[in-house]
Amino acid sequence: MTEVLVTLFVIFVLAMFVGFEVITKVPPTLHTPLMSGSNAISGITIIGALIVAGRGETTIGAVLGLIAVIFAMINCVGGFMVTDRMLRMFKKHPGKRK
């Protein structure tokens, strides 16, 4: 049991480092399109977190699953809001002249 937790913790820490390195290398002009594309990944994360939280094998697994669901939902909803705002910026407004 302890070996499994240590292994999962190591994978988590490595994923944090890789994610940080990938995100810091993205130029600001590409951030919004990439964020809208990451909504699909957040959806997959939500499904995985629901499965983990729903199993309820251990209390810590259920709590971590719930936290993962909350953070993935925040990321997904925020991504859709940014995408919607970005798309509204490119719409032509009927009453305005240029």
Protein backbone atom coordinates (compact mmCIF):
# COMPACT_ATOMS: atom_id res chain seq x y z
CA MET A 1 0.00 0.00 0.00
CA THR A 2 2.77 2.44 0.90
CA GLU A 3 4.73 1.63 -2.26
CA VAL A 4 1.67 2.38 -4.37
CA LEU A 5 1.17 5.76 -2.68
CA VAL A 6 4.83 6.66 -3.12
CA THR A 7 4.71 5.67 -6.78
CA LEU A 8 1.55 7.69 -7.38
CA PHE A 9 3.03 10.67 -5.54
CA VAL A 10 6.21 10.53 -7.66
CA ILE A 11 4.11 10.39 -10.84
CA PHE A 12 2.07 13.36 -9.59
CA VAL A 13 5.17 15.45 -8.84
CA LEU A 14 6.73 14.62 -12.21
CA ALA A 15 3.48 15.54 -13.98
CA MET A 16 3.50 18.88 -12.15
CA PHE A 17 7.04 19.64 -13.32
CA VAL A 18 6.30 18.62 -16.91
CA GLY A 19 3.05 20.63 -16.93
CA PHE A 20 4.80 23.70 -15.54
CA GLU A 21 7.56 23.48 -18.14
CA VAL A 22 5.10 23.04 -21.00
CA ILE A 23 2.85 25.90 -19.90
CA THR A 24 5.67 28.38 -19.32
CA LYS A 25 6.97 27.77 -22.86
CA VAL A 26 3.67 28.79 -24.50
CA PRO A 27 3.73 32.34 -25.91
CA PRO A 28 0.87 34.61 -24.79
CA THR A 29 -0.61 34.79 -28.30
CA LEU A 30 -1.23 31.04 -28.29
CA HIS A 31 -2.59 30.80 -24.74
CA THR A 32 -6.28 31.38 -25.53
CA PRO A 33 -6.54 28.93 -28.47
CA LEU A 34 -4.67 26.28 -26.49
CA MET A 35 -6.90 26.86 -23.48
CA SER A 36 -10.00 26.30 -25.54
CA GLY A 37 -8.45 23.12 -26.90
CA SER A 38 -7.64 21.87 -23.43
CA ASN A 39 -11.33 21.72 -22.55
CA ALA A 40 -11.45 18.23 -24.06
CA ILE A 41 -8.64 17.16 -21.76
CA SER A 42 -10.48 18.68 -18.80
CA GLY A 43 -13.55 16.68 -19.76
CA ILE A 44 -11.51 13.49 -19.68
CA THR A 45 -10.09 14.54 -16.31
CA ILE A 46 -13.60 15.08 -14.98
CA ILE A 47 -14.64 11.57 -16.02
CA GLY A 48 -11.55 10.03 -14.42
CA ALA A 49 -12.03 12.03 -11.24
CA LEU A 50 -15.68 11.00 -11.03
CA ILE A 51 -14.66 7.36 -11.33
CA VAL A 52 -12.07 7.74 -8.57
CA ALA A 53 -14.41 9.68 -6.30
CA GLY A 54 -17.30 7.31 -6.99
CA ARG A 55 -15.42 4.17 -6.09
CA GLY A 56 -14.90 5.33 -2.53
CA GLU A 57 -12.43 2.55 -1.79
CA THR A 58 -10.59 4.79 0.65
CA THR A 59 -11.52 8.08 2.24
CA ILE A 60 -8.44 9.83 0.87
CA GLY A 61 -9.23 8.55 -2.63
CA ALA A 62 -12.76 9.91 -2.41
CA VAL A 63 -11.54 13.27 -1.10
CA LEU A 64 -8.82 13.58 -3.75
CA GLY A 65 -11.33 12.54 -6.42
CA LEU A 66 -13.74 15.22 -5.25
CA ILE A 67 -10.99 17.85 -5.29
CA ALA A 68 -10.00 16.72 -8.79
CA VAL A 69 -13.62 17.01 -9.96
CA ILE A 70 -13.86 20.54 -8.56
CA PHE A 71 -10.60 21.74 -10.12
CA ALA A 72 -11.32 20.10 -13.48
CA MET A 73 -14.78 21.71 -13.57
CA ILE A 74 -13.29 25.12 -12.77
CA ASN A 75 -10.77 24.64 -15.58
CA CYS A 76 -13.39 23.45 -18.04
CA VAL A 77 -15.91 26.21 -17.32
CA GLY A 78 -13.17 28.86 -17.34
CA GLY A 79 -11.91 27.57 -20.67
CA PHE A 80 -15.36 27.78 -22.20
CA MET A 81 -15.83 31.31 -20.85
CA VAL A 82 -12.51 32.45 -22.34
CA THR A 83 -13.31 30.77 -25.66
CA ASP A 84 -16.74 32.41 -25.74
CA ARG A 85 -15.23 35.82 -25.04
CA MET A 86 -12.57 35.27 -27.70
CA LEU A 87 -15.19 34.32 -30.29
CA ARG A 88 -17.37 37.34 -29.40
CA MET A 89 -14.39 39.59 -30.11
CA PHE A 90 -14.42 38.47 -33.75
CA LYS A 91 -18.17 38.91 -34.34
CA LYS A 92 -19.36 41.91 -36.26
CA HIS A 93 -21.76 44.07 -34.29
CA PRO A 94 -24.72 45.20 -36.45
CA GLY A 95 -24.95 48.79 -35.23
CA LYS A 96 -21.26 49.75 -35.33
CA ARG A 97 -19.37 51.41 -38.18
CA LYS A 98 -15.69 51.19 -38.82
